[in-house]
ModelCIF file with pLDDT and N, C-alpha, C, O atoms, coordinates in Angstrom:
data_MODEL
#
_entry.id   MODEL 
#
_entity.id                         1 
_entity.type                       polymer 
_entity.pdbx_number_of_molecules   1 
#
_entity_poly.entity_id                      1 
_entity_poly.type                           'polypeptide(L)' 
_entity_poly.nstd_linkage                   no 
_entity_poly.nstd_monomer                   no 
_entity_poly.pdbx_seq_one_letter_code       RNAINTYYSDSVKGRFTISRDNAKNTVFLQMNSLKPEDTAVYYCV 
_entity_poly.pdbx_seq_one_letter_code_can   RNAINTYYSDSVKGRFTISRDNAKNTVFLQMNSLKPEDTAVYYCV 
_entity_poly.pdbx_strand_id                 A 
#
loop_
_entity_poly_seq.entity_id 
_entity_poly_seq.num 
_entity_poly_seq.mon_id 
_entity_poly_seq.hetero 
1 1  ARG n 
1 2  ASN n 
1 3  ALA n 
1 4  ILE n 
1 5  ASN n 
1 6  THR n 
1 7  TYR n 
1 8  TYR n 
1 9  SER n 
1 10 ASP n 
1 11 SER n 
1 12 VAL n 
1 13 LYS n 
1 14 GLY n 
1 15 ARG n 
1 16 PHE n 
1 17 THR n 
1 18 ILE n 
1 19 SER n 
1 20 ARG n 
1 21 ASP n 
1 22 ASN n 
1 23 ALA n 
1 24 LYS n 
1 25 ASN n 
1 26 THR n 
1 27 VAL n 
1 28 PHE n 
1 29 LEU n 
1 30 GLN n 
1 31 MET n 
1 32 ASN n 
1 33 SER n 
1 34 LEU n 
1 35 LYS n 
1 36 PRO n 
1 37 GLU n 
1 38 ASP n 
1 39 THR n 
1 40 ALA n 
1 41 VAL n 
1 42 TYR n 
1 43 TYR n 
1 44 CYS n 
1 45 VAL n 
#
_struct_asym.id          A 
_struct_asym.entity_id   1 
#
loop_
_ma_qa_metric.id 
_ma_qa_metric.mode 
_ma_qa_metric.name 
_ma_qa_metric.software_group_id 
_ma_qa_metric.type 
1 global pLDDT . pLDDT 
2 local  pLDDT . pLDDT 
#
_ma_qa_metric_global.metric_id      1 
_ma_qa_metric_global.metric_value   97.29 
_ma_qa_metric_global.model_id       1 
_ma_qa_metric_global.ordinal_id     1 
#
loop_
_ma_qa_metric_local.label_asym_id 
_ma_qa_metric_local.label_comp_id 
_ma_qa_metric_local.label_seq_id 
_ma_qa_metric_local.metric_id 
_ma_qa_metric_local.metric_value 
_ma_qa_metric_local.model_id 
_ma_qa_metric_local.ordinal_id 
A ARG 1  2 97.00 1 1  
A ASN 2  2 96.00 1 2  
A ALA 3  2 97.00 1 3  
A ILE 4  2 97.00 1 4  
A ASN 5  2 98.00 1 5  
A THR 6  2 98.00 1 6  
A TYR 7  2 98.00 1 7  
A TYR 8  2 98.00 1 8  
A SER 9  2 97.00 1 9  
A ASP 10 2 97.00 1 10 
A SER 11 2 96.00 1 11 
A VAL 12 2 98.00 1 12 
A LYS 13 2 98.00 1 13 
A GLY 14 2 98.00 1 14 
A ARG 15 2 98.00 1 15 
A PHE 16 2 98.00 1 16 
A THR 17 2 98.00 1 17 
A ILE 18 2 98.00 1 18 
A SER 19 2 98.00 1 19 
A ARG 20 2 98.00 1 20 
A ASP 21 2 97.00 1 21 
A ASN 22 2 95.00 1 22 
A ALA 23 2 94.00 1 23 
A LYS 24 2 95.00 1 24 
A ASN 25 2 96.00 1 25 
A THR 26 2 97.00 1 26 
A VAL 27 2 98.00 1 27 
A PHE 28 2 98.00 1 28 
A LEU 29 2 98.00 1 29 
A GLN 30 2 98.00 1 30 
A MET 31 2 98.00 1 31 
A ASN 32 2 98.00 1 32 
A SER 33 2 98.00 1 33 
A LEU 34 2 98.00 1 34 
A LYS 35 2 97.00 1 35 
A PRO 36 2 96.00 1 36 
A GLU 37 2 95.00 1 37 
A ASP 38 2 97.00 1 38 
A THR 39 2 97.00 1 39 
A ALA 40 2 97.00 1 40 
A VAL 41 2 98.00 1 41 
A TYR 42 2 98.00 1 42 
A TYR 43 2 98.00 1 43 
A CYS 44 2 98.00 1 44 
A VAL 45 2 98.00 1 45 
#
loop_
_atom_site.group_PDB 
_atom_site.id 
_atom_site.type_symbol 
_atom_site.label_atom_id 
_atom_site.label_alt_id 
_atom_site.label_comp_id 
_atom_site.label_asym_id 
_atom_site.label_entity_id 
_atom_site.label_seq_id 
_atom_site.pdbx_PDB_ins_code 
_atom_site.Cartn_x 
_atom_site.Cartn_y 
_atom_site.Cartn_z 
_atom_site.occupancy 
_atom_site.B_iso_or_equiv 
_atom_site.pdbx_formal_charge 
_atom_site.auth_seq_id 
_atom_site.auth_comp_id 
_atom_site.auth_asym_id 
_atom_site.auth_atom_id 
_atom_site.pdbx_PDB_model_num 
ATOM 1   N N  . ARG A 1 1  ? 146.702 -58.014 79.619 1.00 97.00 ? 1  ARG A N  1 
ATOM 2   C CA . ARG A 1 1  ? 147.613 -59.151 79.267 1.00 97.00 ? 1  ARG A CA 1 
ATOM 3   C C  . ARG A 1 1  ? 147.662 -60.672 80.316 1.00 97.00 ? 1  ARG A C  1 
ATOM 4   O O  . ARG A 1 1  ? 148.579 -61.490 80.391 1.00 97.00 ? 1  ARG A O  1 
ATOM 5   N N  . ASN A 1 2  ? 146.586 -60.667 80.905 1.00 96.00 ? 2  ASN A N  1 
ATOM 6   C CA . ASN A 1 2  ? 145.989 -61.827 81.964 1.00 96.00 ? 2  ASN A CA 1 
ATOM 7   C C  . ASN A 1 2  ? 144.441 -62.160 80.875 1.00 96.00 ? 2  ASN A C  1 
ATOM 8   O O  . ASN A 1 2  ? 143.610 -62.964 81.297 1.00 96.00 ? 2  ASN A O  1 
ATOM 9   N N  . ALA A 1 3  ? 144.300 -61.704 79.992 1.00 97.00 ? 3  ALA A N  1 
ATOM 10  C CA . ALA A 1 3  ? 143.224 -62.559 79.518 1.00 97.00 ? 3  ALA A CA 1 
ATOM 11  C C  . ALA A 1 3  ? 142.109 -61.960 80.128 1.00 97.00 ? 3  ALA A C  1 
ATOM 12  O O  . ALA A 1 3  ? 141.251 -61.631 79.310 1.00 97.00 ? 3  ALA A O  1 
ATOM 13  N N  . ILE A 1 4  ? 141.841 -61.710 81.313 1.00 97.00 ? 4  ILE A N  1 
ATOM 14  C CA . ILE A 1 4  ? 140.848 -61.557 82.371 1.00 97.00 ? 4  ILE A CA 1 
ATOM 15  C C  . ILE A 1 4  ? 139.554 -60.318 81.483 1.00 97.00 ? 4  ILE A C  1 
ATOM 16  O O  . ILE A 1 4  ? 138.326 -60.348 81.561 1.00 97.00 ? 4  ILE A O  1 
ATOM 17  N N  . ASN A 1 5  ? 140.344 -59.459 80.791 1.00 98.00 ? 5  ASN A N  1 
ATOM 18  C CA . ASN A 1 5  ? 139.336 -58.635 80.161 1.00 98.00 ? 5  ASN A CA 1 
ATOM 19  C C  . ASN A 1 5  ? 139.503 -58.448 78.683 1.00 98.00 ? 5  ASN A C  1 
ATOM 20  O O  . ASN A 1 5  ? 140.540 -58.286 78.040 1.00 98.00 ? 5  ASN A O  1 
ATOM 21  N N  . THR A 1 6  ? 138.267 -58.506 78.288 1.00 98.00 ? 6  THR A N  1 
ATOM 22  C CA . THR A 1 6  ? 138.254 -58.438 76.524 1.00 98.00 ? 6  THR A CA 1 
ATOM 23  C C  . THR A 1 6  ? 137.248 -58.090 76.494 1.00 98.00 ? 6  THR A C  1 
ATOM 24  O O  . THR A 1 6  ? 136.391 -58.303 77.352 1.00 98.00 ? 6  THR A O  1 
ATOM 25  N N  . TYR A 1 7  ? 137.029 -56.986 74.698 1.00 98.00 ? 7  TYR A N  1 
ATOM 26  C CA . TYR A 1 7  ? 136.308 -56.192 74.555 1.00 98.00 ? 7  TYR A CA 1 
ATOM 27  C C  . TYR A 1 7  ? 135.829 -57.012 73.160 1.00 98.00 ? 7  TYR A C  1 
ATOM 28  O O  . TYR A 1 7  ? 136.404 -57.941 72.593 1.00 98.00 ? 7  TYR A O  1 
ATOM 29  N N  . TYR A 1 8  ? 134.619 -56.358 72.827 1.00 98.00 ? 8  TYR A N  1 
ATOM 30  C CA . TYR A 1 8  ? 134.260 -56.383 71.100 1.00 98.00 ? 8  TYR A CA 1 
ATOM 31  C C  . TYR A 1 8  ? 133.370 -55.512 70.948 1.00 98.00 ? 8  TYR A C  1 
ATOM 32  O O  . TYR A 1 8  ? 132.465 -55.392 71.774 1.00 98.00 ? 8  TYR A O  1 
ATOM 33  N N  . SER A 1 9  ? 133.479 -54.617 69.680 1.00 97.00 ? 9  SER A N  1 
ATOM 34  C CA . SER A 1 9  ? 133.055 -54.125 68.821 1.00 97.00 ? 9  SER A CA 1 
ATOM 35  C C  . SER A 1 9  ? 131.102 -54.587 68.973 1.00 97.00 ? 9  SER A C  1 
ATOM 36  O O  . SER A 1 9  ? 130.667 -55.679 69.341 1.00 97.00 ? 9  SER A O  1 
ATOM 37  N N  . ASP A 1 10 ? 130.631 -53.890 68.737 1.00 97.00 ? 10 ASP A N  1 
ATOM 38  C CA . ASP A 1 10 ? 128.901 -54.082 68.431 1.00 97.00 ? 10 ASP A CA 1 
ATOM 39  C C  . ASP A 1 10 ? 128.806 -54.964 67.499 1.00 97.00 ? 10 ASP A C  1 
ATOM 40  O O  . ASP A 1 10 ? 128.258 -56.044 67.717 1.00 97.00 ? 10 ASP A O  1 
ATOM 41  N N  . SER A 1 11 ? 129.281 -54.670 66.412 1.00 96.00 ? 11 SER A N  1 
ATOM 42  C CA . SER A 1 11 ? 129.140 -55.690 65.315 1.00 96.00 ? 11 SER A CA 1 
ATOM 43  C C  . SER A 1 11 ? 129.930 -57.029 65.093 1.00 96.00 ? 11 SER A C  1 
ATOM 44  O O  . SER A 1 11 ? 129.897 -57.571 63.988 1.00 96.00 ? 11 SER A O  1 
ATOM 45  N N  . VAL A 1 12 ? 130.822 -57.701 66.407 1.00 98.00 ? 12 VAL A N  1 
ATOM 46  C CA . VAL A 1 12 ? 131.458 -58.657 66.003 1.00 98.00 ? 12 VAL A CA 1 
ATOM 47  C C  . VAL A 1 12 ? 130.725 -59.490 67.229 1.00 98.00 ? 12 VAL A C  1 
ATOM 48  O O  . VAL A 1 12 ? 130.614 -60.709 67.363 1.00 98.00 ? 12 VAL A O  1 
ATOM 49  N N  . LYS A 1 13 ? 130.300 -58.500 68.007 1.00 98.00 ? 13 LYS A N  1 
ATOM 50  C CA . LYS A 1 13 ? 129.748 -59.490 69.275 1.00 98.00 ? 13 LYS A CA 1 
ATOM 51  C C  . LYS A 1 13 ? 128.873 -60.567 69.277 1.00 98.00 ? 13 LYS A C  1 
ATOM 52  O O  . LYS A 1 13 ? 128.219 -60.716 68.245 1.00 98.00 ? 13 LYS A O  1 
ATOM 53  N N  . GLY A 1 14 ? 128.640 -61.631 70.504 1.00 98.00 ? 14 GLY A N  1 
ATOM 54  C CA . GLY A 1 14 ? 128.449 -62.637 69.996 1.00 98.00 ? 14 GLY A CA 1 
ATOM 55  C C  . GLY A 1 14 ? 129.026 -63.733 69.042 1.00 98.00 ? 14 GLY A C  1 
ATOM 56  O O  . GLY A 1 14 ? 129.022 -64.944 69.260 1.00 98.00 ? 14 GLY A O  1 
ATOM 57  N N  . ARG A 1 15 ? 129.631 -62.945 67.704 1.00 98.00 ? 15 ARG A N  1 
ATOM 58  C CA . ARG A 1 15 ? 130.269 -64.058 66.628 1.00 98.00 ? 15 ARG A CA 1 
ATOM 59  C C  . ARG A 1 15 ? 131.964 -64.385 67.026 1.00 98.00 ? 15 ARG A C  1 
ATOM 60  O O  . ARG A 1 15 ? 132.474 -65.498 66.900 1.00 98.00 ? 15 ARG A O  1 
ATOM 61  N N  . PHE A 1 16 ? 132.684 -63.157 67.527 1.00 98.00 ? 16 PHE A N  1 
ATOM 62  C CA . PHE A 1 16 ? 133.908 -63.616 67.547 1.00 98.00 ? 16 PHE A CA 1 
ATOM 63  C C  . PHE A 1 16 ? 134.597 -63.883 68.823 1.00 98.00 ? 16 PHE A C  1 
ATOM 64  O O  . PHE A 1 16 ? 134.027 -63.314 69.754 1.00 98.00 ? 16 PHE A O  1 
ATOM 65  N N  . THR A 1 17 ? 135.409 -64.412 69.095 1.00 98.00 ? 17 THR A N  1 
ATOM 66  C CA . THR A 1 17 ? 136.289 -64.637 70.040 1.00 98.00 ? 17 THR A CA 1 
ATOM 67  C C  . THR A 1 17 ? 137.113 -64.307 70.093 1.00 98.00 ? 17 THR A C  1 
ATOM 68  O O  . THR A 1 17 ? 137.503 -64.384 68.927 1.00 98.00 ? 17 THR A O  1 
ATOM 69  N N  . ILE A 1 18 ? 138.596 -63.518 71.180 1.00 98.00 ? 18 ILE A N  1 
ATOM 70  C CA . ILE A 1 18 ? 139.522 -62.709 71.211 1.00 98.00 ? 18 ILE A CA 1 
ATOM 71  C C  . ILE A 1 18 ? 140.225 -64.074 72.510 1.00 98.00 ? 18 ILE A C  1 
ATOM 72  O O  . ILE A 1 18 ? 139.696 -64.219 73.612 1.00 98.00 ? 18 ILE A O  1 
ATOM 73  N N  . SER A 1 19 ? 141.228 -64.762 72.127 1.00 98.00 ? 19 SER A N  1 
ATOM 74  C CA . SER A 1 19 ? 141.763 -65.098 73.477 1.00 98.00 ? 19 SER A CA 1 
ATOM 75  C C  . SER A 1 19 ? 143.576 -65.569 73.134 1.00 98.00 ? 19 SER A C  1 
ATOM 76  O O  . SER A 1 19 ? 144.093 -65.993 72.100 1.00 98.00 ? 19 SER A O  1 
ATOM 77  N N  . ARG A 1 20 ? 143.993 -65.356 74.095 1.00 98.00 ? 20 ARG A N  1 
ATOM 78  C CA . ARG A 1 20 ? 145.665 -65.925 73.931 1.00 98.00 ? 20 ARG A CA 1 
ATOM 79  C C  . ARG A 1 20 ? 146.559 -66.817 74.466 1.00 98.00 ? 20 ARG A C  1 
ATOM 80  O O  . ARG A 1 20 ? 146.009 -67.427 75.383 1.00 98.00 ? 20 ARG A O  1 
ATOM 81  N N  . ASP A 1 21 ? 147.557 -67.122 74.320 1.00 97.00 ? 21 ASP A N  1 
ATOM 82  C CA . ASP A 1 21 ? 148.133 -68.087 74.880 1.00 97.00 ? 21 ASP A CA 1 
ATOM 83  C C  . ASP A 1 21 ? 149.341 -67.326 75.450 1.00 97.00 ? 21 ASP A C  1 
ATOM 84  O O  . ASP A 1 21 ? 149.838 -66.826 74.441 1.00 97.00 ? 21 ASP A O  1 
ATOM 85  N N  . ASN A 1 22 ? 150.075 -66.966 76.481 1.00 95.00 ? 22 ASN A N  1 
ATOM 86  C CA . ASN A 1 22 ? 151.454 -66.039 76.394 1.00 95.00 ? 22 ASN A CA 1 
ATOM 87  C C  . ASN A 1 22 ? 152.408 -67.141 76.488 1.00 95.00 ? 22 ASN A C  1 
ATOM 88  O O  . ASN A 1 22 ? 153.592 -66.846 76.330 1.00 95.00 ? 22 ASN A O  1 
ATOM 89  N N  . ALA A 1 23 ? 152.104 -68.351 76.715 1.00 94.00 ? 23 ALA A N  1 
ATOM 90  C CA . ALA A 1 23 ? 153.216 -69.252 77.160 1.00 94.00 ? 23 ALA A CA 1 
ATOM 91  C C  . ALA A 1 23 ? 153.803 -69.462 75.402 1.00 94.00 ? 23 ALA A C  1 
ATOM 92  O O  . ALA A 1 23 ? 154.963 -69.784 75.145 1.00 94.00 ? 23 ALA A O  1 
ATOM 93  N N  . LYS A 1 24 ? 152.668 -69.188 74.271 1.00 95.00 ? 24 LYS A N  1 
ATOM 94  C CA . LYS A 1 24 ? 153.249 -69.968 72.677 1.00 95.00 ? 24 LYS A CA 1 
ATOM 95  C C  . LYS A 1 24 ? 153.343 -68.221 72.423 1.00 95.00 ? 24 LYS A C  1 
ATOM 96  O O  . LYS A 1 24 ? 153.754 -67.945 71.296 1.00 95.00 ? 24 LYS A O  1 
ATOM 97  N N  . ASN A 1 25 ? 153.038 -67.080 73.263 1.00 96.00 ? 25 ASN A N  1 
ATOM 98  C CA . ASN A 1 25 ? 153.178 -66.011 72.320 1.00 96.00 ? 25 ASN A CA 1 
ATOM 99  C C  . ASN A 1 25 ? 152.781 -65.488 71.168 1.00 96.00 ? 25 ASN A C  1 
ATOM 100 O O  . ASN A 1 25 ? 153.309 -64.839 70.265 1.00 96.00 ? 25 ASN A O  1 
ATOM 101 N N  . THR A 1 26 ? 151.256 -66.107 71.509 1.00 97.00 ? 26 THR A N  1 
ATOM 102 C CA . THR A 1 26 ? 149.998 -66.196 70.361 1.00 97.00 ? 26 THR A CA 1 
ATOM 103 C C  . THR A 1 26 ? 148.795 -65.440 70.838 1.00 97.00 ? 26 THR A C  1 
ATOM 104 O O  . THR A 1 26 ? 148.502 -65.483 72.032 1.00 97.00 ? 26 THR A O  1 
ATOM 105 N N  . VAL A 1 27 ? 147.939 -64.614 69.817 1.00 98.00 ? 27 VAL A N  1 
ATOM 106 C CA . VAL A 1 27 ? 146.467 -64.134 70.293 1.00 98.00 ? 27 VAL A CA 1 
ATOM 107 C C  . VAL A 1 27 ? 145.828 -64.920 68.880 1.00 98.00 ? 27 VAL A C  1 
ATOM 108 O O  . VAL A 1 27 ? 146.348 -65.234 67.810 1.00 98.00 ? 27 VAL A O  1 
ATOM 109 N N  . PHE A 1 28 ? 144.548 -65.057 69.393 1.00 98.00 ? 28 PHE A N  1 
ATOM 110 C CA . PHE A 1 28 ? 143.619 -65.937 68.823 1.00 98.00 ? 28 PHE A CA 1 
ATOM 111 C C  . PHE A 1 28 ? 142.389 -64.891 68.077 1.00 98.00 ? 28 PHE A C  1 
ATOM 112 O O  . PHE A 1 28 ? 142.013 -64.144 68.979 1.00 98.00 ? 28 PHE A O  1 
ATOM 113 N N  . LEU A 1 29 ? 141.757 -64.618 66.998 1.00 98.00 ? 29 LEU A N  1 
ATOM 114 C CA . LEU A 1 29 ? 140.819 -64.076 66.536 1.00 98.00 ? 29 LEU A CA 1 
ATOM 115 C C  . LEU A 1 29 ? 139.891 -65.149 66.001 1.00 98.00 ? 29 LEU A C  1 
ATOM 116 O O  . LEU A 1 29 ? 139.917 -65.290 64.779 1.00 98.00 ? 29 LEU A O  1 
ATOM 117 N N  . GLN A 1 30 ? 138.799 -66.196 66.927 1.00 98.00 ? 30 GLN A N  1 
ATOM 118 C CA . GLN A 1 30 ? 138.104 -66.853 66.328 1.00 98.00 ? 30 GLN A CA 1 
ATOM 119 C C  . GLN A 1 30 ? 136.598 -66.045 65.857 1.00 98.00 ? 30 GLN A C  1 
ATOM 120 O O  . GLN A 1 30 ? 135.993 -65.160 66.462 1.00 98.00 ? 30 GLN A O  1 
ATOM 121 N N  . MET A 1 31 ? 136.257 -66.738 64.509 1.00 98.00 ? 31 MET A N  1 
ATOM 122 C CA . MET A 1 31 ? 135.123 -65.554 63.455 1.00 98.00 ? 31 MET A CA 1 
ATOM 123 C C  . MET A 1 31 ? 134.627 -66.325 63.532 1.00 98.00 ? 31 MET A C  1 
ATOM 124 O O  . MET A 1 31 ? 135.184 -67.419 63.623 1.00 98.00 ? 31 MET A O  1 
ATOM 125 N N  . ASN A 1 32 ? 133.332 -66.191 63.539 1.00 98.00 ? 32 ASN A N  1 
ATOM 126 C CA . ASN A 1 32 ? 132.008 -67.139 63.401 1.00 98.00 ? 32 ASN A CA 1 
ATOM 127 C C  . ASN A 1 32 ? 130.801 -66.777 62.751 1.00 98.00 ? 32 ASN A C  1 
ATOM 128 O O  . ASN A 1 32 ? 130.325 -65.642 62.732 1.00 98.00 ? 32 ASN A O  1 
ATOM 129 N N  . SER A 1 33 ? 130.340 -67.766 62.233 1.00 98.00 ? 33 SER A N  1 
ATOM 130 C CA . SER A 1 33 ? 128.796 -66.537 61.481 1.00 98.00 ? 33 SER A CA 1 
ATOM 131 C C  . SER A 1 33 ? 129.459 -65.218 60.970 1.00 98.00 ? 33 SER A C  1 
ATOM 132 O O  . SER A 1 33 ? 129.492 -64.124 61.533 1.00 98.00 ? 33 SER A O  1 
ATOM 133 N N  . LEU A 1 34 ? 130.004 -65.609 59.709 1.00 98.00 ? 34 LEU A N  1 
ATOM 134 C CA . LEU A 1 34 ? 130.655 -64.943 59.454 1.00 98.00 ? 34 LEU A CA 1 
ATOM 135 C C  . LEU A 1 34 ? 129.916 -64.224 58.297 1.00 98.00 ? 34 LEU A C  1 
ATOM 136 O O  . LEU A 1 34 ? 129.585 -64.982 57.385 1.00 98.00 ? 34 LEU A O  1 
ATOM 137 N N  . LYS A 1 35 ? 129.527 -62.676 58.116 1.00 97.00 ? 35 LYS A N  1 
ATOM 138 C CA . LYS A 1 35 ? 129.054 -61.634 57.181 1.00 97.00 ? 35 LYS A CA 1 
ATOM 139 C C  . LYS A 1 35 ? 129.772 -61.365 55.789 1.00 97.00 ? 35 LYS A C  1 
ATOM 140 O O  . LYS A 1 35 ? 130.953 -61.592 55.528 1.00 97.00 ? 35 LYS A O  1 
ATOM 141 N N  . PRO A 1 36 ? 129.017 -60.951 55.138 1.00 96.00 ? 36 PRO A N  1 
ATOM 142 C CA . PRO A 1 36 ? 130.245 -60.725 53.977 1.00 96.00 ? 36 PRO A CA 1 
ATOM 143 C C  . PRO A 1 36 ? 130.751 -59.023 54.204 1.00 96.00 ? 36 PRO A C  1 
ATOM 144 O O  . PRO A 1 36 ? 131.699 -58.447 53.670 1.00 96.00 ? 36 PRO A O  1 
ATOM 145 N N  . GLU A 1 37 ? 129.529 -58.375 55.403 1.00 95.00 ? 37 GLU A N  1 
ATOM 146 C CA . GLU A 1 37 ? 130.567 -56.966 55.639 1.00 95.00 ? 37 GLU A CA 1 
ATOM 147 C C  . GLU A 1 37 ? 131.562 -57.302 56.520 1.00 95.00 ? 37 GLU A C  1 
ATOM 148 O O  . GLU A 1 37 ? 132.019 -56.252 56.971 1.00 95.00 ? 37 GLU A O  1 
ATOM 149 N N  . ASP A 1 38 ? 132.089 -58.202 56.958 1.00 97.00 ? 38 ASP A N  1 
ATOM 150 C CA . ASP A 1 38 ? 133.656 -59.106 57.815 1.00 97.00 ? 38 ASP A CA 1 
ATOM 151 C C  . ASP A 1 38 ? 135.078 -58.803 56.712 1.00 97.00 ? 38 ASP A C  1 
ATOM 152 O O  . ASP A 1 38 ? 136.267 -58.712 57.020 1.00 97.00 ? 38 ASP A O  1 
ATOM 153 N N  . THR A 1 39 ? 134.490 -58.707 55.493 1.00 97.00 ? 39 THR A N  1 
ATOM 154 C CA . THR A 1 39 ? 135.747 -58.131 55.018 1.00 97.00 ? 39 THR A CA 1 
ATOM 155 C C  . THR A 1 39 ? 136.540 -57.408 54.985 1.00 97.00 ? 39 THR A C  1 
ATOM 156 O O  . THR A 1 39 ? 136.159 -56.250 54.813 1.00 97.00 ? 39 THR A O  1 
ATOM 157 N N  . ALA A 1 40 ? 137.678 -57.581 55.088 1.00 97.00 ? 40 ALA A N  1 
ATOM 158 C CA . ALA A 1 40 ? 138.772 -56.726 55.441 1.00 97.00 ? 40 ALA A CA 1 
ATOM 159 C C  . ALA A 1 40 ? 139.964 -57.547 55.834 1.00 97.00 ? 40 ALA A C  1 
ATOM 160 O O  . ALA A 1 40 ? 140.090 -58.730 56.147 1.00 97.00 ? 40 ALA A O  1 
ATOM 161 N N  . VAL A 1 41 ? 140.883 -56.440 55.705 1.00 98.00 ? 41 VAL A N  1 
ATOM 162 C CA . VAL A 1 41 ? 141.970 -56.398 56.152 1.00 98.00 ? 41 VAL A CA 1 
ATOM 163 C C  . VAL A 1 41 ? 142.667 -56.444 57.706 1.00 98.00 ? 41 VAL A C  1 
ATOM 164 O O  . VAL A 1 41 ? 143.234 -55.458 58.176 1.00 98.00 ? 41 VAL A O  1 
ATOM 165 N N  . TYR A 1 42 ? 142.547 -57.663 58.388 1.00 98.00 ? 42 TYR A N  1 
ATOM 166 C CA . TYR A 1 42 ? 143.026 -57.575 59.891 1.00 98.00 ? 42 TYR A CA 1 
ATOM 167 C C  . TYR A 1 42 ? 144.516 -57.163 60.395 1.00 98.00 ? 42 TYR A C  1 
ATOM 168 O O  . TYR A 1 42 ? 145.653 -57.413 59.995 1.00 98.00 ? 42 TYR A O  1 
ATOM 169 N N  . TYR A 1 43 ? 143.989 -56.448 61.416 1.00 98.00 ? 43 TYR A N  1 
ATOM 170 C CA . TYR A 1 43 ? 145.410 -56.282 61.853 1.00 98.00 ? 43 TYR A CA 1 
ATOM 171 C C  . TYR A 1 43 ? 145.449 -56.783 63.054 1.00 98.00 ? 43 TYR A C  1 
ATOM 172 O O  . TYR A 1 43 ? 144.369 -56.833 63.643 1.00 98.00 ? 43 TYR A O  1 
ATOM 173 N N  . CYS A 1 44 ? 146.706 -57.305 63.780 1.00 98.00 ? 44 CYS A N  1 
ATOM 174 C CA . CYS A 1 44 ? 146.938 -57.315 64.720 1.00 98.00 ? 44 CYS A CA 1 
ATOM 175 C C  . CYS A 1 44 ? 147.956 -56.574 65.718 1.00 98.00 ? 44 CYS A C  1 
ATOM 176 O O  . CYS A 1 44 ? 149.156 -56.715 65.479 1.00 98.00 ? 44 CYS A O  1 
ATOM 177 N N  . VAL A 1 45 ? 147.583 -55.833 66.766 1.00 98.00 ? 45 VAL A N  1 
ATOM 178 C CA . VAL A 1 45 ? 148.212 -54.785 67.754 1.00 98.00 ? 45 VAL A CA 1 
ATOM 179 C C  . VAL A 1 45 ? 148.735 -55.217 68.924 1.00 98.00 ? 45 VAL A C  1 
ATOM 180 O O  . VAL A 1 45 ? 149.233 -54.414 69.713 1.00 98.00 ? 45 VAL A O  1 
#
């Protein structure tokens, strides 16, 4: 909730970054160095 703690799966660690802006009710997933195996439907939870 406070964005202090984050978790990444091993497959995306170092390439993806999760962040949030509570004032704007939004969470983000920055995805860099994308690979074909990243192809998927992505769900926010």
